[in-house]
Amino acid sequence: MKTAGFTFLFSLVLMAFSPLFSQDANQAQSPPAANSTPTTTSLFPFRPLDQLVGQRFVFRPMMTAKQQQTGYLGFDFDYNPDYKEYLGRSIKILSIGGSKYFPKIQVAVEDNLKEFTIITEGGSMNAFVFIPDVEAAKAQWTNATLWYKGDNLICCYQEDADSLALVKVKKLSQVKVVDVGVSWDPTRPIRFTVQTTAGQQGFVDVNVSGTNVSRAVRGQNRFDDLFFSQDPRTLFAWPDSIWSAIRSGNVIVGMAPEQAKMAWGTPKSTGSDGPDREAWTYASGNTVHFENGVVTGIDAPRTDDAVTPDGYPKPDP
């Protein structure tokens, strides 16, 4: 199986970081993780579009079918750059004009000075990834040991079939980051290629700063949503029975909300069952009931379904 891995055609020249832009106070951010100092929010601050003049971006890769169907979109005058010609090449923003909701961005390709006009919607340029985020993430996390919060799954890509495959791993598995690069997902621009202690390898795409990510999802899929920087069992003094359930992806009676969320992730919706009662509903249809902050029941856990509790496809046995 081929894991994440596009060989990019560009070679990034490390550059000194300019002073970090002030964070947009109106933009939702993930809360800092208790176990990371300094926080990822301070290391990777959100940079609003109107403060990106002079900044560098790179043309992102795409899955094969996407390359053939659409290529790079979002350019003015009905001209979209050829995918194979521009993959991995870097651009610099020259100016930003247009309206507040549909800004027009003038950019120049750095190696041939060809200029393009980009029309954005939602506050992002989907064809590009912010180079300072890639460089900083490489420096921060390459060869780092992390603990993966994912729902028992790590995605892998089979290039010959142009399809995603899934590798089953234990929740909170210890992983080593073997590479950091550019993702094809504009909502999760940075790709962590990771390897478990058992030798399983795959990738996790991460939104490290929210810069050049659509405002609708800018606060989602952050590093602190996906990883711990140290073994969580050293952070939380929970009984072995709780840790065993979490690592197996199970919610059990007696869990606290934080423990249930660690086992099944963030619910699709929450509601009240009455005074001091709460219900969490997941994409799979499973509902977890709480009373006074403790799990009292789980409705119809569908272990035979083809999805995990949060709605992702289960891997083959």
C-alpha atoms as a PDB file:
ATOM      1  CA  MET A   1       0.000   0.000   0.000  1.00  0.00           C
ATOM      2  CA  LYS A   2       1.309   3.427  -0.898  1.00  0.00           C
ATOM      3  CA  THR A   3       0.959   5.930   1.898  1.00  0.00           C
ATOM      4  CA  ALA A   4       0.769   9.695   1.681  1.00  0.00           C
ATOM      5  CA  GLY A   5       3.243  10.941  -0.424  1.00  0.00           C
ATOM      6  CA  PHE A   6       3.296  13.262  -3.403  1.00  0.00           C
ATOM      7  CA  THR A   7       6.846  14.170  -4.399  1.00  0.00           C
ATOM      8  CA  PHE A   8       6.609  17.899  -4.796  1.00  0.00           C
ATOM      9  CA  LEU A   9       8.350  19.747  -7.557  1.00  0.00           C
ATOM     10  CA  PHE A  10       9.353  22.669  -5.438  1.00  0.00           C
ATOM     11  CA  SER A  11      12.208  23.172  -3.044  1.00  0.00           C
ATOM     12  CA  LEU A  12      11.340  25.515  -0.208  1.00  0.00           C
ATOM     13  CA  VAL A  13      14.064  27.975   0.777  1.00  0.00           C
ATOM     14  CA  LEU A  14      13.883  28.422   4.544  1.00  0.00           C
ATOM     15  CA  MET A  15      13.376  32.042   5.394  1.00  0.00           C
ATOM     16  CA  ALA A  16      13.353  34.035   8.569  1.00  0.00           C
ATOM     17  CA  PHE A  17       9.875  34.638   9.843  1.00  0.00           C
ATOM     18  CA  SER A  18       8.593  38.183   9.829  1.00  0.00           C
ATOM     19  CA  PRO A  19       6.847  39.308  13.028  1.00  0.00           C
ATOM     20  CA  LEU A  20       3.677  37.330  13.516  1.00  0.00           C
ATOM     21  CA  PHE A  21       0.503  39.117  12.544  1.00  0.00           C
ATOM     22  CA  SER A  22      -1.991  39.857  15.272  1.00  0.00           C
ATOM     23  CA  GLN A  23      -4.728  37.271  15.509  1.00  0.00           C
ATOM     24  CA  ASP A  24      -8.170  38.196  14.253  1.00  0.00           C
ATOM     25  CA  ALA A  25     -10.168  38.598  17.436  1.00  0.00           C
ATOM     26  CA  ASN A  26     -13.386  37.779  15.637  1.00  0.00           C
ATOM     27  CA  GLN A  27     -12.130  34.437  14.336  1.00  0.00           C
ATOM     28  CA  ALA A  28     -12.848  31.309  16.376  1.00  0.00           C
ATOM     29  CA  GLN A  29      -9.728  29.480  17.506  1.00  0.00           C
ATOM     30  CA  SER A  30      -9.181  26.128  19.117  1.00  0.00           C
ATOM     31  CA  PRO A  31      -8.449  26.374  22.842  1.00  0.00           C
ATOM     32  CA  PRO A  32      -4.781  25.954  23.732  1.00  0.00           C
ATOM     33  CA  ALA A  33      -3.821  22.436  24.741  1.00  0.00           C
ATOM     34  CA  ALA A  34      -2.907  22.057  28.378  1.00  0.00           C
ATOM     35  CA  ASN A  35       0.059  19.918  27.421  1.00  0.00           C
ATOM     36  CA  SER A  36       1.783  22.133  24.837  1.00  0.00           C
ATOM     37  CA  THR A  37       4.066  25.014  25.749  1.00  0.00           C
ATOM     38  CA  PRO A  38       4.093  27.299  23.886  1.00  0.00           C
ATOM     39  CA  THR A  39       0.628  26.686  22.479  1.00  0.00           C
ATOM     40  CA  THR A  40       0.070  25.810  18.838  1.00  0.00           C
ATOM     41  CA  THR A  41      -2.157  28.901  18.604  1.00  0.00           C
ATOM     42  CA  SER A  42       0.814  31.128  19.443  1.00  0.00           C
ATOM     43  CA  LEU A  43       3.179  29.196  17.161  1.00  0.00           C
ATOM     44  CA  PHE A  44       0.685  29.218  14.271  1.00  0.00           C
ATOM     45  CA  PRO A  45      -1.478  32.363  14.572  1.00  0.00           C
ATOM     46  CA  PHE A  46      -4.337  32.968  12.176  1.00  0.00           C
ATOM     47  CA  ARG A  47      -3.381  35.527   9.517  1.00  0.00           C
ATOM     48  CA  PRO A  48      -6.348  37.258   7.842  1.00  0.00           C
ATOM     49  CA  LEU A  49      -6.449  37.623   4.085  1.00  0.00           C
ATOM     50  CA  ASP A  50      -5.906  41.386   4.096  1.00  0.00           C
ATOM     51  CA  GLN A  51      -2.570  40.901   5.900  1.00  0.00           C
ATOM     52  CA  LEU A  52      -1.103  38.441   3.389  1.00  0.00           C
ATOM     53  CA  VAL A  53       0.315  40.831   0.779  1.00  0.00           C
ATOM     54  CA  GLY A  54       3.934  39.807   0.159  1.00  0.00           C
ATOM     55  CA  GLN A  55       3.417  36.311   1.599  1.00  0.00           C
ATOM     56  CA  ARG A  56       4.296  33.106  -0.255  1.00  0.00           C
ATOM     57  CA  PHE A  57       2.055  30.156  -1.147  1.00  0.00           C
ATOM     58  CA  VAL A  58       2.506  26.925  -3.099  1.00  0.00           C
ATOM     59  CA  PHE A  59       0.201  25.164  -5.587  1.00  0.00           C
ATOM     60  CA  ARG A  60      -1.263  22.175  -3.752  1.00  0.00           C
ATOM     61  CA  PRO A  61      -1.443  18.561  -5.028  1.00  0.00           C
ATOM     62  CA  MET A  62      -4.725  16.817  -5.855  1.00  0.00           C
ATOM     63  CA  MET A  63      -5.961  13.255  -6.116  1.00  0.00           C
ATOM     64  CA  THR A  64      -5.701  11.974  -9.694  1.00  0.00           C
ATOM     65  CA  ALA A  65      -9.422  12.146 -10.528  1.00  0.00           C
ATOM     66  CA  LYS A  66      -9.627  15.724  -9.268  1.00  0.00           C
ATOM     67  CA  GLN A  67      -6.670  16.696 -11.440  1.00  0.00           C
ATOM     68  CA  GLN A  68      -8.429  15.375 -14.523  1.00  0.00           C
ATOM     69  CA  GLN A  69     -11.916  16.683 -13.695  1.00  0.00           C
ATOM     70  CA  THR A  70     -11.219  20.234 -12.567  1.00  0.00           C
ATOM     71  CA  GLY A  71      -7.545  21.088 -12.157  1.00  0.00           C
ATOM     72  CA  TYR A  72      -6.913  24.403 -10.433  1.00  0.00           C
ATOM     73  CA  LEU A  73     -10.039  26.578 -10.163  1.00  0.00           C
ATOM     74  CA  GLY A  74     -10.830  30.040  -8.818  1.00  0.00           C
ATOM     75  CA  PHE A  75      -8.849  32.131 -11.298  1.00  0.00           C
ATOM     76  CA  ASP A  76     -10.259  35.170 -13.079  1.00  0.00           C
ATOM     77  CA  PHE A  77     -10.825  35.568 -16.834  1.00  0.00           C
ATOM     78  CA  ASP A  78     -11.780  31.896 -17.241  1.00  0.00           C
ATOM     79  CA  TYR A  79      -8.126  30.879 -17.176  1.00  0.00           C
ATOM     80  CA  ASN A  80      -7.052  28.110 -14.832  1.00  0.00           C
ATOM     81  CA  PRO A  81      -3.365  27.129 -14.635  1.00  0.00           C
ATOM     82  CA  ASP A  82      -2.455  23.670 -15.930  1.00  0.00           C
ATOM     83  CA  TYR A  83      -2.126  21.253 -13.006  1.00  0.00           C
ATOM     84  CA  LYS A  84       0.993  19.415 -14.156  1.00  0.00           C
ATOM     85  CA  GLU A  85       2.720  22.626 -15.140  1.00  0.00           C
ATOM     86  CA  TYR A  86       2.138  24.439 -11.845  1.00  0.00           C
ATOM     87  CA  LEU A  87       2.056  21.720  -9.157  1.00  0.00           C
ATOM     88  CA  GLY A  88       4.556  22.590  -6.443  1.00  0.00           C
ATOM     89  CA  ARG A  89       5.465  26.005  -7.798  1.00  0.00           C
ATOM     90  CA  SER A  90       5.325  28.978  -5.462  1.00  0.00           C
ATOM     91  CA  ILE A  91       3.584  32.320  -5.794  1.00  0.00           C
ATOM     92  CA  LYS A  92       3.694  35.626  -3.941  1.00  0.00           C
ATOM     93  CA  ILE A  93       0.677  37.852  -3.295  1.00  0.00           C
ATOM     94  CA  LEU A  94       1.132  41.253  -4.967  1.00  0.00           C
ATOM     95  CA  SER A  95      -2.106  42.998  -4.036  1.00  0.00           C
ATOM     96  CA  ILE A  96      -5.633  42.410  -2.732  1.00  0.00           C
ATOM     97  CA  GLY A  97      -8.664  44.285  -4.080  1.00  0.00           C
ATOM     98  CA  GLY A  98     -12.284  43.593  -4.958  1.00  0.00           C
ATOM     99  CA  SER A  99     -15.091  43.522  -2.403  1.00  0.00           C
ATOM    100  CA  LYS A 100     -15.112  42.388   1.203  1.00  0.00           C
ATOM    101  CA  TYR A 101     -16.943  39.167   0.374  1.00  0.00           C
ATOM    102  CA  PHE A 102     -15.348  38.470  -3.023  1.00  0.00           C
ATOM    103  CA  PRO A 103     -11.820  39.836  -2.905  1.00  0.00           C
ATOM    104  CA  LYS A 104      -9.611  39.647  -5.988  1.00  0.00           C
ATOM    105  CA  ILE A 105      -6.013  38.705  -5.317  1.00  0.00           C
ATOM    106  CA  GLN A 106      -3.194  39.460  -7.724  1.00  0.00           C
ATOM    107  CA  VAL A 107      -0.340  36.955  -7.481  1.00  0.00           C
ATOM    108  CA  ALA A 108       2.892  36.276  -9.359  1.00  0.00           C
ATOM    109  CA  VAL A 109       4.574  32.905  -9.905  1.00  0.00           C
ATOM    110  CA  GLU A 110       8.020  33.279  -8.392  1.00  0.00           C
ATOM    111  CA  ASP A 111      10.080  31.431 -11.013  1.00  0.00           C
ATOM    112  CA  ASN A 112       8.624  33.045 -14.151  1.00  0.00           C
ATOM    113  CA  LEU A 113       6.835  36.166 -12.798  1.00  0.00           C
ATOM    114  CA  LYS A 114       3.611  35.207 -14.601  1.00  0.00           C
ATOM    115  CA  GLU A 115       0.687  36.971 -12.915  1.00  0.00           C
ATOM    116  CA  PHE A 116      -2.772  35.590 -12.126  1.00  0.00           C
ATOM    117  CA  THR A 117      -5.905  37.062 -10.595  1.00  0.00           C
ATOM    118  CA  ILE A 118      -7.631  34.841  -8.023  1.00  0.00           C
ATOM    119  CA  ILE A 119     -11.240  35.250  -6.910  1.00  0.00           C
ATOM    120  CA  THR A 120     -11.819  33.955  -3.397  1.00  0.00           C
ATOM    121  CA  GLU A 121     -14.978  32.942  -1.600  1.00  0.00           C
ATOM    122  CA  GLY A 122     -15.103  32.143   2.094  1.00  0.00           C
ATOM    123  CA  GLY A 123     -11.750  33.808   2.733  1.00  0.00           C
ATOM    124  CA  SER A 124      -9.466  31.202   1.147  1.00  0.00           C
ATOM    125  CA  MET A 125      -7.555  30.424  -2.051  1.00  0.00           C
ATOM    126  CA  ASN A 126      -8.234  26.728  -2.523  1.00  0.00           C
ATOM    127  CA  ALA A 127      -5.408  26.099  -4.997  1.00  0.00           C
ATOM    128  CA  PHE A 128      -2.706  27.110  -2.531  1.00  0.00           C
ATOM    129  CA  VAL A 129      -1.081  26.294   0.815  1.00  0.00           C
ATOM    130  CA  PHE A 130       0.594  28.935   3.004  1.00  0.00           C
ATOM    131  CA  ILE A 131       4.357  28.247   2.847  1.00  0.00           C
ATOM    132  CA  PRO A 132       5.274  29.660   6.311  1.00  0.00           C
ATOM    133  CA  ASP A 133       2.826  27.164   7.895  1.00  0.00           C
ATOM    134  CA  VAL A 134       4.493  24.284   6.022  1.00  0.00           C
ATOM    135  CA  GLU A 135       7.987  25.385   7.041  1.00  0.00           C
ATOM    136  CA  ALA A 136       7.063  25.987  10.678  1.00  0.00           C
ATOM    137  CA  ALA A 137       5.182  22.672  10.938  1.00  0.00           C
ATOM    138  CA  LYS A 138       8.190  20.828   9.499  1.00  0.00           C
ATOM    139  CA  ALA A 139      10.475  22.455  12.038  1.00  0.00           C
ATOM    140  CA  GLN A 140       8.076  21.869  14.936  1.00  0.00           C
ATOM    141  CA  TRP A 141       6.962  18.284  14.334  1.00  0.00           C
ATOM    142  CA  THR A 142       9.259  16.318  11.999  1.00  0.00           C
ATOM    143  CA  ASN A 143      10.487  13.281  14.002  1.00  0.00           C
ATOM    144  CA  ALA A 144       8.237  14.260  16.934  1.00  0.00           C
ATOM    145  CA  THR A 145       6.449  11.625  19.006  1.00  0.00           C
ATOM    146  CA  LEU A 146       2.725  12.284  19.350  1.00  0.00           C
ATOM    147  CA  TRP A 147      -0.417  10.462  20.529  1.00  0.00           C
ATOM    148  CA  TYR A 148      -3.150  10.303  17.902  1.00  0.00           C
ATOM    149  CA  LYS A 149      -6.703  11.148  19.020  1.00  0.00           C
ATOM    150  CA  GLY A 150      -8.347   9.865  15.840  1.00  0.00           C
ATOM    151  CA  ASP A 151     -11.285   7.500  15.864  1.00  0.00           C
ATOM    152  CA  ASN A 152      -9.211   4.342  15.433  1.00  0.00           C
ATOM    153  CA  LEU A 153      -8.385   5.263  11.831  1.00  0.00           C
ATOM    154  CA  ILE A 154      -5.518   6.663   9.833  1.00  0.00           C
ATOM    155  CA  CYS A 155      -6.124   7.370   6.160  1.00  0.00           C
ATOM    156  CA  CYS A 156      -3.797   6.120   3.443  1.00  0.00           C
ATOM    157  CA  TYR A 157      -3.774   6.783  -0.280  1.00  0.00           C
ATOM    158  CA  GLN A 158      -3.445   4.149  -2.993  1.00  0.00           C
ATOM    159  CA  GLU A 159      -2.115   6.107  -5.942  1.00  0.00           C
ATOM    160  CA  ASP A 160      -2.541   3.319  -8.503  1.00  0.00           C
ATOM    161  CA  ALA A 161      -6.278   3.041  -7.679  1.00  0.00           C
ATOM    162  CA  ASP A 162      -6.679   6.764  -6.873  1.00  0.00           C
ATOM    163  CA  SER A 163      -8.550   5.844  -3.710  1.00  0.00           C
ATOM    164  CA  LEU A 164      -8.321   6.244   0.018  1.00  0.00           C
ATOM    165  CA  ALA A 165      -7.791   3.205   2.217  1.00  0.00           C
ATOM    166  CA  LEU A 166      -7.999   2.967   5.980  1.00  0.00           C
ATOM    167  CA  VAL A 167      -5.583   1.488   8.471  1.00  0.00           C
ATOM    168  CA  LYS A 168      -7.028   0.478  11.814  1.00  0.00           C
ATOM    169  CA  VAL A 169      -5.037   1.644  14.836  1.00  0.00           C
ATOM    170  CA  LYS A 170      -5.807   1.898  18.522  1.00  0.00           C
ATOM    171  CA  LYS A 171      -7.089   5.262  19.674  1.00  0.00           C
ATOM    172  CA  LEU A 172      -4.369   7.297  21.403  1.00  0.00           C
ATOM    173  CA  SER A 173      -1.691   5.244  19.669  1.00  0.00           C
ATOM    174  CA  GLN A 174       1.819   6.600  19.931  1.00  0.00           C
ATOM    175  CA  VAL A 175       3.030   7.730  16.515  1.00  0.00           C
ATOM    176  CA  LYS A 176       6.190   9.242  15.095  1.00  0.00           C
ATOM    177  CA  VAL A 177       5.905  12.030  12.540  1.00  0.00           C
ATOM    178  CA  VAL A 178       8.164  10.892   9.704  1.00  0.00           C
ATOM    179  CA  ASP A 179       7.351  13.746   7.327  1.00  0.00           C
ATOM    180  CA  VAL A 180       5.375  16.982   7.143  1.00  0.00           C
ATOM    181  CA  GLY A 181       4.204  18.271   3.774  1.00  0.00           C
ATOM    182  CA  VAL A 182       1.343  19.729   1.759  1.00  0.00           C
ATOM    183  CA  SER A 183      -2.167  18.236   1.782  1.00  0.00           C
ATOM    184  CA  TRP A 184      -4.701  18.147  -1.047  1.00  0.00           C
ATOM    185  CA  ASP A 185      -7.479  19.117   1.409  1.00  0.00           C
ATOM    186  CA  PRO A 186      -7.952  22.925   1.530  1.00  0.00           C
ATOM    187  CA  THR A 187      -9.616  22.634   4.950  1.00  0.00           C
ATOM    188  CA  ARG A 188      -6.613  20.711   6.374  1.00  0.00           C
ATOM    189  CA  PRO A 189      -3.636  22.130   4.471  1.00  0.00           C
ATOM    190  CA  ILE A 190      -0.738  20.387   6.258  1.00  0.00           C
ATOM    191  CA  ARG A 191      -0.097  16.649   5.959  1.00  0.00           C
ATOM    192  CA  PHE A 192       1.533  14.655   8.766  1.00  0.00           C
ATOM    193  CA  THR A 193       2.866  11.298   7.589  1.00  0.00           C
ATOM    194  CA  VAL A 194       3.015   9.177  10.740  1.00  0.00           C
ATOM    195  CA  GLN A 195       4.179   5.718  11.757  1.00  0.00           C
ATOM    196  CA  THR A 196       2.933   3.691  14.714  1.00  0.00           C
ATOM    197  CA  THR A 197       5.161   1.653  16.997  1.00  0.00           C
ATOM    198  CA  ALA A 198       3.850  -1.428  15.147  1.00  0.00           C
ATOM    199  CA  GLY A 199       5.167  -0.041  11.857  1.00  0.00           C
ATOM    200  CA  GLN A 200       1.801   0.993  10.390  1.00  0.00           C
ATOM    201  CA  GLN A 201       2.091   4.134   8.317  1.00  0.00           C
ATOM    202  CA  GLY A 202      -0.447   6.618   7.044  1.00  0.00           C
ATOM    203  CA  PHE A 203      -1.221  10.306   7.065  1.00  0.00           C
ATOM    204  CA  VAL A 204      -3.309  12.784   8.999  1.00  0.00           C
ATOM    205  CA  ASP A 205      -4.185  16.155   7.458  1.00  0.00           C
ATOM    206  CA  VAL A 206      -4.167  19.076   9.892  1.00  0.00           C
ATOM    207  CA  ASN A 207      -5.304  22.697   9.945  1.00  0.00           C
ATOM    208  CA  VAL A 208      -2.456  24.271  11.918  1.00  0.00           C
ATOM    209  CA  SER A 209      -3.404  27.963  11.869  1.00  0.00           C
ATOM    210  CA  GLY A 210      -6.638  28.576   9.971  1.00  0.00           C
ATOM    211  CA  THR A 211      -4.747  30.815   7.533  1.00  0.00           C
ATOM    212  CA  ASN A 212      -6.167  30.433   4.006  1.00  0.00           C
ATOM    213  CA  VAL A 213      -8.865  28.065   5.257  1.00  0.00           C
ATOM    214  CA  SER A 214     -12.546  28.777   4.588  1.00  0.00           C
ATOM    215  CA  ARG A 215     -14.031  30.783   7.441  1.00  0.00           C
ATOM    216  CA  ALA A 216     -16.810  28.190   7.846  1.00  0.00           C
ATOM    217  CA  VAL A 217     -14.326  25.521   9.034  1.00  0.00           C
ATOM    218  CA  ARG A 218     -11.378  27.637  10.134  1.00  0.00           C
ATOM    219  CA  GLY A 219     -11.543  26.510  13.755  1.00  0.00           C
ATOM    220  CA  GLN A 220     -11.844  22.783  12.967  1.00  0.00           C
ATOM    221  CA  ASN A 221      -9.303  19.951  12.573  1.00  0.00           C
ATOM    222  CA  ARG A 222      -6.629  21.793  14.528  1.00  0.00           C
ATOM    223  CA  PHE A 223      -3.514  20.089  15.862  1.00  0.00           C
ATOM    224  CA  ASP A 224      -4.904  20.010  19.390  1.00  0.00           C
ATOM    225  CA  ASP A 225      -8.085  18.341  18.101  1.00  0.00           C
ATOM    226  CA  LEU A 226      -6.081  15.495  16.570  1.00  0.00           C
ATOM    227  CA  PHE A 227      -3.011  14.906  18.729  1.00  0.00           C
ATOM    228  CA  PHE A 228      -1.567  15.003  22.216  1.00  0.00           C
ATOM    229  CA  SER A 229       2.052  16.102  22.514  1.00  0.00           C
ATOM    230  CA  GLN A 230       2.586  13.750  25.455  1.00  0.00           C
ATOM    231  CA  ASP A 231       1.040  10.511  26.654  1.00  0.00           C
ATOM    232  CA  PRO A 232      -2.473  11.474  27.846  1.00  0.00           C
ATOM    233  CA  ARG A 233      -2.273   8.814  30.553  1.00  0.00           C
ATOM    234  CA  THR A 234       0.301  11.037  32.262  1.00  0.00           C
ATOM    235  CA  LEU A 235      -2.097  13.986  32.049  1.00  0.00           C
ATOM    236  CA  PHE A 236      -5.305  12.398  33.369  1.00  0.00           C
ATOM    237  CA  ALA A 237      -5.419  10.117  36.434  1.00  0.00           C
ATOM    238  CA  TRP A 238      -8.239   7.901  35.174  1.00  0.00           C
ATOM    239  CA  PRO A 239      -8.805   4.217  36.048  1.00  0.00           C
ATOM    240  CA  ASP A 240      -7.395   1.522  33.749  1.00  0.00           C
ATOM    241  CA  SER A 241     -10.948   0.472  32.861  1.00  0.00           C
ATOM    242  CA  ILE A 242     -11.629   3.941  31.423  1.00  0.00           C
ATOM    243  CA  TRP A 243      -8.405   3.988  29.408  1.00  0.00           C
ATOM    244  CA  SER A 244      -9.098   0.494  28.087  1.00  0.00           C
ATOM    245  CA  ALA A 245     -12.555   1.554  26.898  1.00  0.00           C
ATOM    246  CA  ILE A 246     -11.234   4.736  25.287  1.00  0.00           C
ATOM    247  CA  ARG A 247      -8.447   2.939  23.425  1.00  0.00           C
ATOM    248  CA  SER A 248     -10.977   0.390  22.144  1.00  0.00           C
ATOM    249  CA  GLY A 249     -13.259   3.185  20.960  1.00  0.00           C
ATOM    250  CA  ASN A 250     -16.034   2.416  23.458  1.00  0.00           C
ATOM    251  CA  VAL A 251     -18.187   4.661  25.625  1.00  0.00           C
ATOM    252  CA  ILE A 252     -19.271   3.013  28.887  1.00  0.00           C
ATOM    253  CA  VAL A 253     -21.603   3.866  31.748  1.00  0.00           C
ATOM    254  CA  GLY A 254     -19.841   5.955  34.397  1.00  0.00           C
ATOM    255  CA  MET A 255     -17.675   7.960  31.997  1.00  0.00           C
ATOM    256  CA  ALA A 256     -17.368  11.724  32.297  1.00  0.00           C
ATOM    257  CA  PRO A 257     -18.104  13.856  29.207  1.00  0.00           C
ATOM    258  CA  GLU A 258     -14.382  14.428  28.540  1.00  0.00           C
ATOM    259  CA  GLN A 259     -13.788  10.682  28.575  1.00  0.00           C
ATOM    260  CA  ALA A 260     -16.723   9.999  26.247  1.00  0.00           C
ATOM    261  CA  LYS A 261     -15.463  12.641  23.839  1.00  0.00           C
ATOM    262  CA  MET A 262     -12.007  11.113  23.856  1.00  0.00           C
ATOM    263  CA  ALA A 263     -13.534   7.734  22.987  1.00  0.00           C
ATOM    264  CA  TRP A 264     -16.002   8.817  20.294  1.00  0.00           C
ATOM    265  CA  GLY A 265     -15.001  12.353  19.381  1.00  0.00           C
ATOM    266  CA  THR A 266     -17.184  15.447  19.186  1.00  0.00           C
ATOM    267  CA  PRO A 267     -20.909  14.644  18.788  1.00  0.00           C
ATOM    268  CA  LYS A 268     -22.912  15.869  15.818  1.00  0.00           C
ATOM    269  CA  SER A 269     -25.409  17.509  18.149  1.00  0.00           C
ATOM    270  CA  THR A 270     -26.209  17.877  21.832  1.00  0.00           C
ATOM    271  CA  GLY A 271     -29.489  18.383  23.652  1.00  0.00           C
ATOM    272  CA  SER A 272     -31.176  18.239  27.038  1.00  0.00           C
ATOM    273  CA  ASP A 273     -33.057  15.230  28.387  1.00  0.00           C
ATOM    274  CA  GLY A 274     -34.312  17.254  31.348  1.00  0.00           C
ATOM    275  CA  PRO A 275     -32.828  18.898  34.454  1.00  0.00           C
ATOM    276  CA  ASP A 276     -29.147  17.948  34.804  1.00  0.00           C
ATOM    277  CA  ARG A 277     -29.517  15.610  31.844  1.00  0.00           C
ATOM    278  CA  GLU A 278     -27.832  15.825  28.460  1.00  0.00           C
ATOM    279  CA  ALA A 279     -27.834  13.739  25.280  1.00  0.00           C
ATOM    280  CA  TRP A 280     -25.077  13.591  22.670  1.00  0.00           C
ATOM    281  CA  THR A 281     -25.999  12.300  19.225  1.00  0.00           C
ATOM    282  CA  TYR A 282     -23.353  11.095  16.766  1.00  0.00           C
ATOM    283  CA  ALA A 283     -23.448  10.895  12.969  1.00  0.00           C
ATOM    284  CA  SER A 284     -23.876   7.118  13.204  1.00  0.00           C
ATOM    285  CA  GLY A 285     -27.142   7.545  15.144  1.00  0.00           C
ATOM    286  CA  ASN A 286     -25.692   6.490  18.494  1.00  0.00           C
ATOM    287  CA  THR A 287     -26.803   8.641  21.432  1.00  0.00           C
ATOM    288  CA  VAL A 288     -24.986   8.983  24.750  1.00  0.00           C
ATOM    289  CA  HIS A 289     -27.039  10.042  27.784  1.00  0.00           C
ATOM    290  CA  PHE A 290     -25.558  11.934  30.751  1.00  0.00           C
ATOM    291  CA  GLU A 291     -26.980  12.744  34.152  1.00  0.00           C
ATOM    292  CA  ASN A 292     -25.114  15.080  36.484  1.00  0.00           C
ATOM    293  CA  GLY A 293     -22.051  14.842  34.242  1.00  0.00           C
ATOM    294  CA  VAL A 294     -21.878  11.040  34.120  1.00  0.00           C
ATOM    295  CA  VAL A 295     -22.793   8.632  31.298  1.00  0.00           C
ATOM    296  CA  THR A 296     -25.943   6.741  32.284  1.00  0.00           C
ATOM    297  CA  GLY A 297     -26.760   4.986  29.008  1.00  0.00           C
ATOM    298  CA  ILE A 298     -25.961   4.540  25.318  1.00  0.00           C
ATOM    299  CA  ASP A 299     -28.785   4.054  22.821  1.00  0.00           C
ATOM    300  CA  ALA A 300     -28.363   1.308  20.239  1.00  0.00           C
ATOM    301  CA  PRO A 301     -24.605   1.143  19.718  1.00  0.00           C
ATOM    302  CA  ARG A 302     -24.539  -0.263  16.198  1.00  0.00           C
ATOM    303  CA  THR A 303     -21.364  -2.314  16.212  1.00  0.00           C
ATOM    304  CA  ASP A 304     -22.380  -4.143  13.032  1.00  0.00           C
ATOM    305  CA  ASP A 305     -22.708  -0.938  11.014  1.00  0.00           C
ATOM    306  CA  ALA A 306     -20.198  -0.014   8.345  1.00  0.00           C
ATOM    307  CA  VAL A 307     -19.382   3.234  10.150  1.00  0.00           C
ATOM    308  CA  THR A 308     -17.558   4.245  13.321  1.00  0.00           C
ATOM    309  CA  PRO A 309     -19.507   6.128  16.052  1.00  0.00           C
ATOM    310  CA  ASP A 310     -18.724   9.509  14.459  1.00  0.00           C
ATOM    311  CA  GLY A 311     -19.770   8.459  10.977  1.00  0.00           C
ATOM    312  CA  TYR A 312     -16.532   7.447   9.251  1.00  0.00           C
ATOM    313  CA  PRO A 313     -16.321   4.177   7.247  1.00  0.00           C
ATOM    314  CA  LYS A 314     -14.921   1.241   9.161  1.00  0.00           C
ATOM    315  CA  PRO A 315     -11.777  -0.372   7.763  1.00  0.00           C
ATOM    316  CA  ASP A 316     -11.907  -3.924   6.482  1.00  0.00           C
ATOM    317  CA  PRO A 317     -11.239  -6.506   9.216  1.00  0.00           C
END
